[in-house]
Amino acid sequence: MNSYQKIIFGLKVKELRQGLGLSFAALSKKTKMSISYLNEIEKGKKFPKQDKIETLAKTLGTSTEALLSTRMNPALMPVGDLLQSNFLSELPLHLFGIDLQKVIEMISKAPIRVGAFISTLVELSRNYALQEENFYFGAMRAYQELHNNYFKEIEDAAERLIIEHKLKTDNIHSKDLIKILENDFNCKVNFEKINEIDELKNIHSIYVNKKNSLFLHKKISEAQLSLLVGREIGFRYLQLKERPLYTPIRVPQSFEPVLSNFKATYFATALMMNKNHLAEDVAKFCSNTEWKGDVLLDMIKNYNVTPEMAFHRLTHILPEFFKLKQLFFIRVRTELNSNRYTIDKVLHLNKQHHAHSNKIYEHYCRRWLSVEILKELQELRNQGKEQIIAKVQKSLYHGTNDEYLTLSLGIPAGSLQDKDISVTLGILMDDHLKKVIKFAFDPKIPLKIVNKTCERCPIIDCNERVVPPSVHQQKESWKATQQIINQLVK
């Protein structure tokens, strides 16, 4: 008898008892069971023996079979479905210091209200086409945010490996990592299989457990190769058992592979961009009184990492070493020659910032630097040029005092990436930032008033707008209606 079956049984006893208008004392008298024992049954903590089940069924006016059935009435069905699914057990509640039993007790105290809440969540998830993996990735982001996206134990593990193998901290090559993977962990690296199969053209790597082999696509860059091999070392060095078998990770079956993938990838970035070495380089870059995008790109290139990997690493380093904790990271994608943009990676530290993904197909503000840089990539392509570009902008969100220093990299589509992407770091412009980042005062950095989406934006003189402010107009119309209603009521 698992805990979920116990609580479903307890909920049914409670529902029948209350339906008959019986107090605990009255039910205790009729069944010859103590009040405390009945209370434990209804909370799902105790499960009675067969003779007591028969007594309860008879007293409550039902059959033993009906009482033992997991089928519940319509009002409680959402709770029953939740308890019988694997969803609660799959959520990483322990990472947030939450006891599963406490959650179950909360459900048992107000099952109908919880059921209504669950039904609402299910309906919302259906409307926005959310799947289990959305919740897993959402939990992963929350876990990162809870720790300011800095994990000392993984940093320490990466430093131990560097010392053990006497690796350089400023530029680790894939050859060094492949040697460690093959010699220390007996894992073979194979470049032949993936690129021979057309259906795997967008898969970067596959791990085959039976052969203890890592299959890699031939077309990955040196930086991607180092990341994937470093990640594979991370799974073993950190002793992570449940892990995804291929990249990019698409549809995880549970949360554990998502968590393991994050830890192993973090380990790889910590290997390739040593925290102390990188902190020195970032301090030097931030000491410039002028914005120098080419210097930023050269710094990234020197580390033999992808631009996206570098910006991810900055979300580890900036909060920990520079106390720049109010920041966000977003990744935006667009099809070639398209005017549609999607956000597929988001991280907010310290608070929920304005830039976030929108699942209802609204049009992101075209004044965002992450969108503008993608437009510039397209213009360069039309001129026969393809290159990574770095830009900076001050973004003030309309109707607020929230101004962000936004740094963005535009990365053109490649052999294994059929879309242009931009990765953007937005750091809240406060007094501390102005002390740390000297180029924030560079007068050549443009300041733009931005918003979230065109549909919600009240800015009138916006040349970049691509659709009317329909959502804003609806809200304003309803405000006018409410004012008239309030006058009539008065």
Protein backbone atom coordinates (compact mmCIF):
# COMPACT_ATOMS: atom_id res chain seq x y z
CA MET A 1 0.00 0.00 0.00
CA ASN A 2 1.73 3.19 -1.16
CA SER A 3 1.28 6.65 0.35
CA TYR A 4 -0.97 7.81 -2.49
CA GLN A 5 -3.39 4.92 -2.05
CA LYS A 6 -3.49 5.67 1.68
CA ILE A 7 -4.37 9.30 1.13
CA ILE A 8 -7.04 8.49 -1.47
CA PHE A 9 -8.57 6.06 1.03
CA GLY A 10 -8.40 8.74 3.75
CA LEU A 11 -10.00 11.37 1.49
CA LYS A 12 -12.90 9.02 0.73
CA VAL A 13 -13.45 8.29 4.43
CA LYS A 14 -13.41 12.03 5.19
CA GLU A 15 -15.81 12.84 2.35
CA LEU A 16 -18.30 10.15 3.44
CA ARG A 17 -18.05 11.14 7.12
CA GLN A 18 -18.69 14.78 6.39
CA GLY A 19 -21.49 13.86 3.96
CA LEU A 20 -23.28 12.08 6.79
CA GLY A 21 -22.68 14.98 9.16
CA LEU A 22 -20.62 12.84 11.53
CA SER A 23 -17.98 14.32 13.81
CA PHE A 24 -14.82 12.39 14.67
CA ALA A 25 -16.33 11.67 18.05
CA ALA A 26 -19.55 10.29 16.52
CA LEU A 27 -17.66 8.09 14.05
CA SER A 28 -15.40 6.91 16.84
CA LYS A 29 -18.38 5.86 18.92
CA LYS A 30 -19.98 3.96 16.02
CA THR A 31 -16.83 2.15 14.87
CA LYS A 32 -15.11 1.66 18.27
CA MET A 33 -11.95 3.26 16.80
CA SER A 34 -10.13 6.10 18.57
CA ILE A 35 -10.46 9.67 17.35
CA SER A 36 -6.70 9.95 16.88
CA TYR A 37 -6.64 6.73 14.83
CA LEU A 38 -9.47 7.98 12.58
CA ASN A 39 -7.67 11.30 12.19
CA GLU A 40 -4.50 9.49 11.07
CA ILE A 41 -6.54 7.47 8.54
CA GLU A 42 -8.04 10.62 6.99
CA LYS A 43 -4.58 12.22 6.75
CA GLY A 44 -3.29 9.19 4.84
CA LYS A 45 -0.83 8.25 7.57
CA LYS A 46 -2.51 5.02 8.66
CA PHE A 47 -4.26 2.29 6.73
CA PRO A 48 -6.65 0.00 8.64
CA LYS A 49 -6.79 -3.78 8.52
CA GLN A 50 -9.53 -5.62 6.65
CA ASP A 51 -11.94 -5.95 9.59
CA LYS A 52 -11.73 -2.23 10.34
CA ILE A 53 -12.22 -1.39 6.64
CA GLU A 54 -15.43 -3.44 6.66
CA THR A 55 -16.59 -1.63 9.82
CA LEU A 56 -15.89 1.77 8.28
CA ALA A 57 -17.68 0.85 5.05
CA LYS A 58 -20.78 -0.34 6.89
CA THR A 59 -20.86 2.73 9.16
CA LEU A 60 -20.37 5.15 6.27
CA GLY A 61 -23.05 3.51 4.14
CA THR A 62 -20.85 2.16 1.36
CA SER A 63 -19.24 -1.11 0.30
CA THR A 64 -15.73 -2.29 1.07
CA GLU A 65 -14.98 -2.42 -2.66
CA ALA A 66 -16.11 1.19 -3.19
CA LEU A 67 -14.05 2.39 -0.23
CA LEU A 68 -10.93 0.61 -1.49
CA SER A 69 -11.39 1.74 -5.09
CA THR A 70 -9.13 4.57 -6.27
CA ARG A 71 -12.05 6.05 -8.22
CA MET A 72 -13.24 9.33 -6.73
CA ASN A 73 -16.22 11.61 -7.21
CA PRO A 74 -15.94 14.37 -9.86
CA ALA A 75 -14.96 17.08 -7.35
CA LEU A 76 -11.99 15.05 -6.15
CA MET A 77 -11.00 13.42 -9.44
CA PRO A 78 -8.22 15.96 -10.22
CA VAL A 79 -6.64 15.21 -6.83
CA GLY A 80 -6.99 11.48 -7.43
CA ASP A 81 -5.42 11.74 -10.87
CA LEU A 82 -2.53 13.79 -9.46
CA LEU A 83 -1.90 11.34 -6.61
CA GLN A 84 -2.01 8.30 -8.90
CA SER A 85 0.31 9.85 -11.48
CA ASN A 86 4.08 9.97 -11.07
CA PHE A 87 4.09 13.75 -11.23
CA LEU A 88 4.50 14.51 -7.51
CA SER A 89 7.16 11.87 -7.04
CA GLU A 90 9.05 13.15 -10.11
CA LEU A 91 9.13 16.76 -8.92
CA PRO A 92 12.45 17.51 -7.17
CA LEU A 93 10.78 18.78 -4.00
CA HIS A 94 13.82 17.82 -1.89
CA LEU A 95 15.97 20.34 -3.76
CA PHE A 96 13.78 23.11 -2.35
CA GLY A 97 13.55 21.68 1.17
CA ILE A 98 9.96 20.51 0.71
CA ASP A 99 8.77 17.25 2.26
CA LEU A 100 6.47 15.24 -0.01
CA GLN A 101 4.42 14.07 2.98
CA LYS A 102 3.73 17.70 3.92
CA VAL A 103 2.41 18.34 0.40
CA ILE A 104 0.12 15.32 0.73
CA GLU A 105 -1.13 16.56 4.12
CA MET A 106 -1.92 19.96 2.58
CA ILE A 107 -3.91 18.22 -0.15
CA SER A 108 -5.83 16.18 2.43
CA LYS A 109 -6.82 19.28 4.41
CA ALA A 110 -8.64 21.00 1.53
CA PRO A 111 -9.01 18.46 -1.29
CA ILE A 112 -11.84 20.19 -3.15
CA ARG A 113 -10.01 23.53 -3.24
CA VAL A 114 -6.79 21.79 -4.24
CA GLY A 115 -8.71 19.87 -6.88
CA ALA A 116 -10.06 23.12 -8.34
CA PHE A 117 -6.54 24.56 -8.32
CA ILE A 118 -5.11 21.48 -10.04
CA SER A 119 -7.89 21.59 -12.66
CA THR A 120 -6.97 25.21 -13.35
CA LEU A 121 -3.31 24.34 -13.78
CA VAL A 122 -4.17 21.44 -16.09
CA GLU A 123 -6.40 23.68 -18.19
CA LEU A 124 -3.70 26.33 -18.43
CA SER A 125 -1.09 23.75 -19.39
CA ARG A 126 -3.38 22.44 -22.13
CA ASN A 127 -4.07 25.95 -23.46
CA TYR A 128 -0.35 26.69 -23.65
CA ALA A 129 0.61 23.19 -24.86
CA LEU A 130 2.79 22.57 -21.81
CA GLN A 131 4.17 19.07 -21.30
CA GLU A 132 5.90 17.38 -18.36
CA GLU A 133 9.29 18.47 -19.65
CA ASN A 134 8.23 22.13 -19.34
CA PHE A 135 7.77 21.58 -15.61
CA TYR A 136 11.12 19.77 -15.35
CA PHE A 137 12.99 22.58 -17.10
CA GLY A 138 11.05 25.13 -15.05
CA ALA A 139 12.08 23.38 -11.83
CA MET A 140 15.67 23.34 -13.07
CA ARG A 141 15.62 27.10 -13.63
CA ALA A 142 14.13 27.65 -10.18
CA TYR A 143 16.91 25.52 -8.67
CA GLN A 144 19.56 27.61 -10.44
CA GLU A 145 17.93 30.85 -9.32
CA LEU A 146 17.72 29.61 -5.72
CA HIS A 147 21.53 29.21 -5.68
CA ASN A 148 22.35 32.36 -7.70
CA ASN A 149 23.44 29.90 -10.39
CA TYR A 150 26.74 29.21 -8.60
CA PHE A 151 27.58 25.71 -7.34
CA LYS A 152 30.78 25.59 -5.33
CA GLU A 153 30.94 21.79 -5.11
CA ILE A 154 31.01 21.52 -8.92
CA GLU A 155 33.55 24.33 -9.20
CA ASP A 156 35.78 22.50 -6.68
CA ALA A 157 35.42 19.21 -8.59
CA ALA A 158 36.48 20.89 -11.84
CA GLU A 159 39.52 22.41 -10.12
CA ARG A 160 40.50 18.99 -8.71
CA LEU A 161 40.47 17.46 -12.20
CA ILE A 162 42.57 20.35 -13.53
CA ILE A 163 45.16 19.79 -10.78
CA GLU A 164 45.14 15.99 -11.15
CA HIS A 165 45.84 16.22 -14.89
CA LYS A 166 47.94 19.41 -14.81
CA LEU A 167 45.69 21.15 -17.32
CA LYS A 168 46.06 24.79 -18.31
CA THR A 169 43.36 27.04 -16.88
CA ASP A 170 43.28 29.45 -19.82
CA ASN A 171 42.80 27.14 -22.81
CA ILE A 172 41.87 23.46 -22.55
CA HIS A 173 41.88 21.60 -25.86
CA SER A 174 39.52 18.76 -26.83
CA LYS A 175 42.53 16.42 -27.29
CA ASP A 176 43.32 16.73 -23.57
CA LEU A 177 39.73 15.98 -22.61
CA ILE A 178 39.40 13.01 -24.98
CA LYS A 179 42.57 11.55 -23.49
CA ILE A 180 41.11 11.85 -19.96
CA LEU A 181 37.78 10.34 -21.03
CA GLU A 182 39.40 7.36 -22.76
CA ASN A 183 42.22 6.68 -20.28
CA ASP A 184 40.50 7.40 -16.96
CA PHE A 185 37.00 6.17 -17.80
CA ASN A 186 37.61 3.74 -20.67
CA CYS A 187 35.01 5.59 -22.78
CA LYS A 188 35.69 5.56 -26.51
CA VAL A 189 34.99 8.56 -28.75
CA ASN A 190 33.57 7.78 -32.19
CA PHE A 191 33.01 10.25 -35.06
CA GLU A 192 31.71 7.84 -37.69
CA LYS A 193 28.14 6.78 -36.96
CA ILE A 194 25.98 9.87 -36.42
CA ASN A 195 26.75 11.74 -39.63
CA GLU A 196 26.03 8.60 -41.69
CA ILE A 197 22.33 8.65 -40.68
CA ASP A 198 20.21 11.46 -42.13
CA GLU A 199 17.63 11.34 -39.31
CA LEU A 200 20.42 12.22 -36.83
CA LYS A 201 21.62 15.29 -38.69
CA ASN A 202 20.60 17.62 -35.83
CA ILE A 203 21.91 15.36 -33.05
CA HIS A 204 25.29 16.41 -31.67
CA SER A 205 26.12 13.38 -29.53
CA ILE A 206 24.80 9.97 -28.45
CA TYR A 207 26.11 7.88 -25.57
CA VAL A 208 25.82 4.09 -25.99
CA ASN A 209 26.05 2.47 -22.58
CA LYS A 210 26.65 -1.11 -23.77
CA LYS A 211 29.73 -0.04 -25.72
CA ASN A 212 30.69 2.72 -23.27
CA SER A 213 31.12 4.91 -26.33
CA LEU A 214 30.38 8.55 -27.06
CA PHE A 215 29.32 9.07 -30.68
CA LEU A 216 29.87 12.61 -31.93
CA HIS A 217 28.81 14.37 -35.12
CA LYS A 218 31.73 15.23 -37.40
CA LYS A 219 30.45 18.73 -38.06
CA ILE A 220 30.60 20.00 -34.48
CA SER A 221 33.15 22.74 -33.87
CA GLU A 222 36.24 22.41 -31.69
CA ALA A 223 34.47 24.39 -28.94
CA GLN A 224 31.37 22.14 -29.10
CA LEU A 225 33.58 19.05 -29.07
CA SER A 226 35.38 20.21 -25.92
CA LEU A 227 32.06 20.98 -24.23
CA LEU A 228 30.53 17.58 -25.05
CA VAL A 229 33.61 15.60 -24.01
CA GLY A 230 33.97 17.71 -20.87
CA ARG A 231 30.31 17.07 -20.10
CA GLU A 232 30.83 13.31 -20.55
CA ILE A 233 33.74 13.46 -18.10
CA GLY A 234 31.43 15.38 -15.75
CA PHE A 235 28.84 12.57 -15.66
CA ARG A 236 31.55 10.18 -14.48
CA TYR A 237 33.63 12.47 -12.26
CA LEU A 238 30.52 13.69 -10.40
CA GLN A 239 29.13 10.11 -10.33
CA LEU A 240 25.83 11.07 -11.96
CA LYS A 241 23.84 7.92 -12.72
CA GLU A 242 20.64 9.07 -14.45
CA ARG A 243 21.64 11.06 -17.51
CA PRO A 244 20.35 11.90 -20.99
CA LEU A 245 21.79 9.71 -23.73
CA TYR A 246 21.85 12.33 -26.49
CA THR A 247 22.20 16.06 -27.10
CA PRO A 248 20.47 18.39 -27.50
CA ILE A 249 18.22 17.03 -24.72
CA ARG A 250 14.60 17.19 -25.92
CA VAL A 251 12.01 15.19 -23.98
CA PRO A 252 13.31 14.01 -20.60
CA GLN A 253 11.32 11.21 -18.94
CA SER A 254 11.97 12.53 -15.42
CA PHE A 255 13.71 15.38 -13.61
CA GLU A 256 16.89 13.51 -12.68
CA PRO A 257 18.37 13.45 -16.22
CA VAL A 258 17.70 17.20 -16.48
CA LEU A 259 19.52 17.84 -13.19
CA SER A 260 22.41 15.54 -14.14
CA ASN A 261 22.74 17.21 -17.53
CA PHE A 262 22.90 20.63 -15.88
CA LYS A 263 25.57 19.52 -13.39
CA ALA A 264 27.72 17.81 -16.04
CA THR A 265 27.45 20.81 -18.39
CA TYR A 266 28.27 23.19 -15.54
CA PHE A 267 31.30 21.00 -14.77
CA ALA A 268 32.46 21.25 -18.40
CA THR A 269 32.14 25.04 -18.46
CA ALA A 270 33.97 25.30 -15.13
CA LEU A 271 36.77 23.18 -16.62
CA MET A 272 37.12 25.25 -19.76
CA MET A 273 36.60 28.66 -18.18
CA ASN A 274 38.31 28.49 -14.80
CA LYS A 275 36.52 30.79 -12.35
CA ASN A 276 39.59 32.66 -11.09
CA HIS A 277 41.14 33.09 -14.52
CA LEU A 278 37.83 34.23 -16.01
CA ALA A 279 37.14 36.62 -13.12
CA GLU A 280 40.47 38.35 -13.85
CA ASP A 281 39.62 38.68 -17.55
CA VAL A 282 36.11 39.99 -16.81
CA ALA A 283 37.48 42.55 -14.32
CA LYS A 284 39.93 43.77 -16.94
CA PHE A 285 37.19 43.98 -19.59
CA CYS A 286 34.84 45.87 -17.24
CA SER A 287 37.60 48.36 -16.35
CA ASN A 288 37.47 49.78 -19.90
CA THR A 289 35.71 53.14 -20.05
CA GLU A 290 34.55 52.39 -23.60
CA TRP A 291 32.47 49.48 -24.86
CA LYS A 292 34.66 47.19 -26.99
CA GLY A 293 32.71 44.34 -28.53
CA ASP A 294 35.74 43.01 -30.40
CA VAL A 295 37.63 42.66 -27.11
CA LEU A 296 34.74 40.62 -25.67
CA LEU A 297 34.73 38.34 -28.73
CA ASP A 298 38.51 37.87 -28.55
CA MET A 299 38.25 36.95 -24.87
CA ILE A 300 35.64 34.30 -25.68
CA LYS A 301 37.72 32.96 -28.56
CA ASN A 302 40.79 32.61 -26.34
CA TYR A 303 38.91 30.20 -24.08
CA ASN A 304 38.02 27.83 -26.94
CA VAL A 305 34.31 27.92 -26.04
CA THR A 306 31.11 28.74 -27.90
CA PRO A 307 29.70 32.27 -27.45
CA GLU A 308 26.60 30.85 -25.78
CA MET A 309 28.72 28.82 -23.38
CA ALA A 310 30.66 31.97 -22.45
CA PHE A 311 27.49 33.91 -21.61
CA HIS A 312 26.19 30.98 -19.55
CA ARG A 313 29.47 31.02 -17.65
CA LEU A 314 29.09 34.73 -16.97
CA THR A 315 25.80 33.99 -15.17
CA HIS A 316 27.92 31.90 -12.75
CA ILE A 317 30.75 34.42 -12.34
CA LEU A 318 29.03 37.83 -12.25
CA PRO A 319 26.83 37.14 -9.20
CA GLU A 320 29.55 35.34 -7.22
CA PHE A 321 32.67 37.39 -7.97
CA PHE A 322 31.24 40.81 -8.84
CA LYS A 323 28.01 40.76 -6.77
CA LEU A 324 26.00 41.59 -9.90
CA LYS A 325 23.03 39.47 -8.88
CA GLN A 326 20.16 41.28 -10.58
CA LEU A 327 20.46 39.87 -14.06
CA PHE A 328 18.70 37.82 -16.69
CA PHE A 329 19.81 35.59 -19.58
CA ILE A 330 17.68 34.88 -22.65
CA ARG A 331 18.28 33.00 -25.88
CA VAL A 332 16.27 34.06 -28.93
CA ARG A 333 15.96 32.06 -32.16
CA THR A 334 14.68 32.97 -35.59
CA GLU A 335 14.34 31.11 -38.87
CA LEU A 336 16.37 32.45 -41.76
CA ASN A 337 14.56 35.33 -43.53
CA SER A 338 11.81 35.28 -40.89
CA ASN A 339 10.23 38.04 -38.82
CA ARG A 340 9.19 35.68 -36.00
CA TYR A 341 11.29 35.28 -32.89
CA THR A 342 11.07 32.67 -30.13
CA ILE A 343 12.70 32.52 -26.71
CA ASP A 344 13.77 29.01 -25.76
CA LYS A 345 16.08 29.65 -22.79
CA VAL A 346 15.52 32.00 -19.88
CA LEU A 347 17.22 32.52 -16.53
CA HIS A 348 16.33 35.23 -14.01
CA LEU A 349 18.49 35.84 -10.94
CA ASN A 350 17.37 37.63 -7.76
CA LYS A 351 13.90 38.48 -9.10
CA GLN A 352 11.61 38.02 -12.08
CA HIS A 353 12.83 40.53 -14.64
CA HIS A 354 10.80 42.03 -17.49
CA ALA A 355 12.29 40.02 -20.37
CA HIS A 356 10.66 36.60 -20.40
CA SER A 357 9.21 34.08 -22.83
CA ASN A 358 5.65 34.38 -24.07
CA LYS A 359 3.83 31.19 -25.09
CA ILE A 360 0.82 32.85 -26.71
CA TYR A 361 2.58 33.87 -29.91
CA GLU A 362 2.73 37.59 -29.22
CA HIS A 363 5.44 39.63 -30.92
CA TYR A 364 8.43 40.44 -28.73
CA CYS A 365 9.44 44.10 -28.59
CA ARG A 366 11.50 44.90 -31.71
CA ARG A 367 13.56 47.36 -29.67
CA TRP A 368 15.08 44.53 -27.65
CA LEU A 369 18.78 44.23 -28.40
CA SER A 370 18.40 40.46 -28.71
CA VAL A 371 15.97 41.00 -31.61
CA GLU A 372 17.85 43.90 -33.22
CA ILE A 373 21.08 41.92 -33.36
CA LEU A 374 19.30 39.11 -35.20
CA LYS A 375 18.08 41.64 -37.77
CA GLU A 376 21.68 42.79 -38.18
CA LEU A 377 22.83 39.19 -38.72
CA GLN A 378 20.31 38.90 -41.55
CA GLU A 379 21.51 42.15 -43.13
CA LEU A 380 25.12 40.92 -43.02
CA ARG A 381 24.08 37.63 -44.63
CA ASN A 382 22.40 39.55 -47.45
CA GLN A 383 25.77 41.27 -47.99
CA GLY A 384 27.50 37.89 -48.16
CA LYS A 385 28.98 38.18 -44.66
CA GLU A 386 28.50 35.73 -41.79
CA GLN A 387 30.12 36.48 -38.47
CA ILE A 388 29.44 36.57 -34.75
CA ILE A 389 28.67 40.10 -33.59
CA ALA A 390 28.59 41.71 -30.13
CA LYS A 391 26.45 44.73 -29.24
CA VAL A 392 25.43 46.67 -26.15
CA GLN A 393 22.39 48.79 -25.26
CA LYS A 394 20.74 50.41 -22.27
CA SER A 395 17.13 49.23 -22.11
CA LEU A 396 14.62 51.17 -19.99
CA TYR A 397 11.31 49.36 -19.61
CA HIS A 398 8.36 51.62 -20.37
CA GLY A 399 6.44 52.81 -17.32
CA THR A 400 9.15 51.67 -14.87
CA ASN A 401 12.48 52.81 -13.45
CA ASP A 402 14.08 49.49 -14.43
CA GLU A 403 16.99 50.15 -16.73
CA TYR A 404 19.26 47.30 -17.85
CA LEU A 405 22.70 47.22 -19.39
CA THR A 406 22.14 44.56 -22.06
CA LEU A 407 24.98 42.73 -23.78
CA SER A 408 24.08 40.55 -26.73
CA LEU A 409 25.86 38.18 -29.10
CA GLY A 410 24.43 37.38 -32.51
CA ILE A 411 25.38 33.89 -33.70
CA PRO A 412 24.64 32.96 -37.35
CA ALA A 413 23.18 29.59 -38.32
CA GLY A 414 25.73 26.84 -38.83
CA SER A 415 26.01 23.26 -40.03
CA LEU A 416 24.22 21.84 -36.98
CA GLN A 417 22.14 24.91 -36.22
CA ASP A 418 19.54 25.89 -38.80
CA LYS A 419 18.48 29.11 -37.05
CA ASP A 420 20.18 32.37 -36.17
CA ILE A 421 20.35 32.83 -32.40
CA SER A 422 21.15 35.62 -30.00
CA VAL A 423 22.18 35.25 -26.37
CA THR A 424 21.66 38.25 -24.12
CA LEU A 425 22.70 39.23 -20.62
CA GLY A 426 20.69 42.01 -19.01
CA ILE A 427 22.10 43.50 -15.79
CA LEU A 428 20.03 45.94 -13.74
CA MET A 429 21.59 49.42 -13.79
CA ASP A 430 22.06 50.21 -10.10
CA ASP A 431 24.78 52.02 -8.15
CA HIS A 432 26.80 48.83 -7.74
CA LEU A 433 26.88 48.10 -11.48
CA LYS A 434 28.13 51.62 -12.15
CA LYS A 435 31.07 50.99 -9.83
CA VAL A 436 31.94 47.61 -11.40
CA ILE A 437 31.34 48.17 -15.13
CA LYS A 438 33.13 51.34 -16.20
CA PHE A 439 31.97 51.24 -19.83
CA ALA A 440 28.38 51.63 -18.61
CA PHE A 441 29.06 55.41 -18.82
CA ASP A 442 30.18 55.23 -22.46
CA PRO A 443 28.08 57.94 -24.21
CA LYS A 444 28.09 55.93 -27.44
CA ILE A 445 25.92 53.20 -25.86
CA PRO A 446 22.34 53.86 -27.04
CA LEU A 447 19.44 54.12 -24.58
CA LYS A 448 16.10 52.74 -25.78
CA ILE A 449 12.66 52.63 -24.21
CA VAL A 450 11.52 49.02 -24.55
CA ASN A 451 8.52 46.92 -23.57
CA LYS A 452 7.54 43.26 -23.54
CA THR A 453 5.41 42.62 -26.64
CA CYS A 454 3.86 44.80 -29.34
CA GLU A 455 0.39 43.60 -28.34
CA ARG A 456 0.81 44.97 -24.79
CA CYS A 457 2.76 48.13 -25.56
CA PRO A 458 1.14 51.60 -25.22
CA ILE A 459 4.07 53.48 -26.83
CA ILE A 460 2.49 55.51 -29.64
CA ASP A 461 5.44 56.70 -31.73
CA CYS A 462 7.10 53.30 -32.22
CA ASN A 463 8.51 52.83 -35.71
CA GLU A 464 9.57 49.27 -34.87
CA ARG A 465 6.05 48.07 -34.04
CA VAL A 466 4.93 45.10 -36.17
CA VAL A 467 1.32 44.61 -34.94
CA PRO A 468 -1.24 46.89 -33.22
CA PRO A 469 -1.35 47.04 -29.38
CA SER A 470 -4.48 44.87 -29.27
CA VAL A 471 -4.12 43.62 -25.69
CA HIS A 472 -3.38 47.14 -24.40
CA GLN A 473 -6.38 48.53 -26.30
CA GLN A 474 -8.68 45.87 -24.81
CA LYS A 475 -7.48 46.76 -21.31
CA GLU A 476 -8.02 50.47 -21.90
CA SER A 477 -11.49 49.81 -23.30
CA TRP A 478 -12.41 47.77 -20.22
CA LYS A 479 -11.07 50.53 -17.93
CA ALA A 480 -13.41 53.01 -19.62
CA THR A 481 -16.31 50.57 -19.22
CA GLN A 482 -15.50 50.11 -15.53
CA GLN A 483 -15.45 53.88 -14.96
CA ILE A 484 -18.94 54.24 -16.44
CA ILE A 485 -20.20 51.28 -14.36
CA ASN A 486 -18.71 52.81 -11.19
CA GLN A 487 -20.40 56.17 -11.94
CA LEU A 488 -23.75 54.46 -12.46
CA VAL A 489 -23.41 52.47 -9.26
CA LYS A 490 -22.58 55.61 -7.28
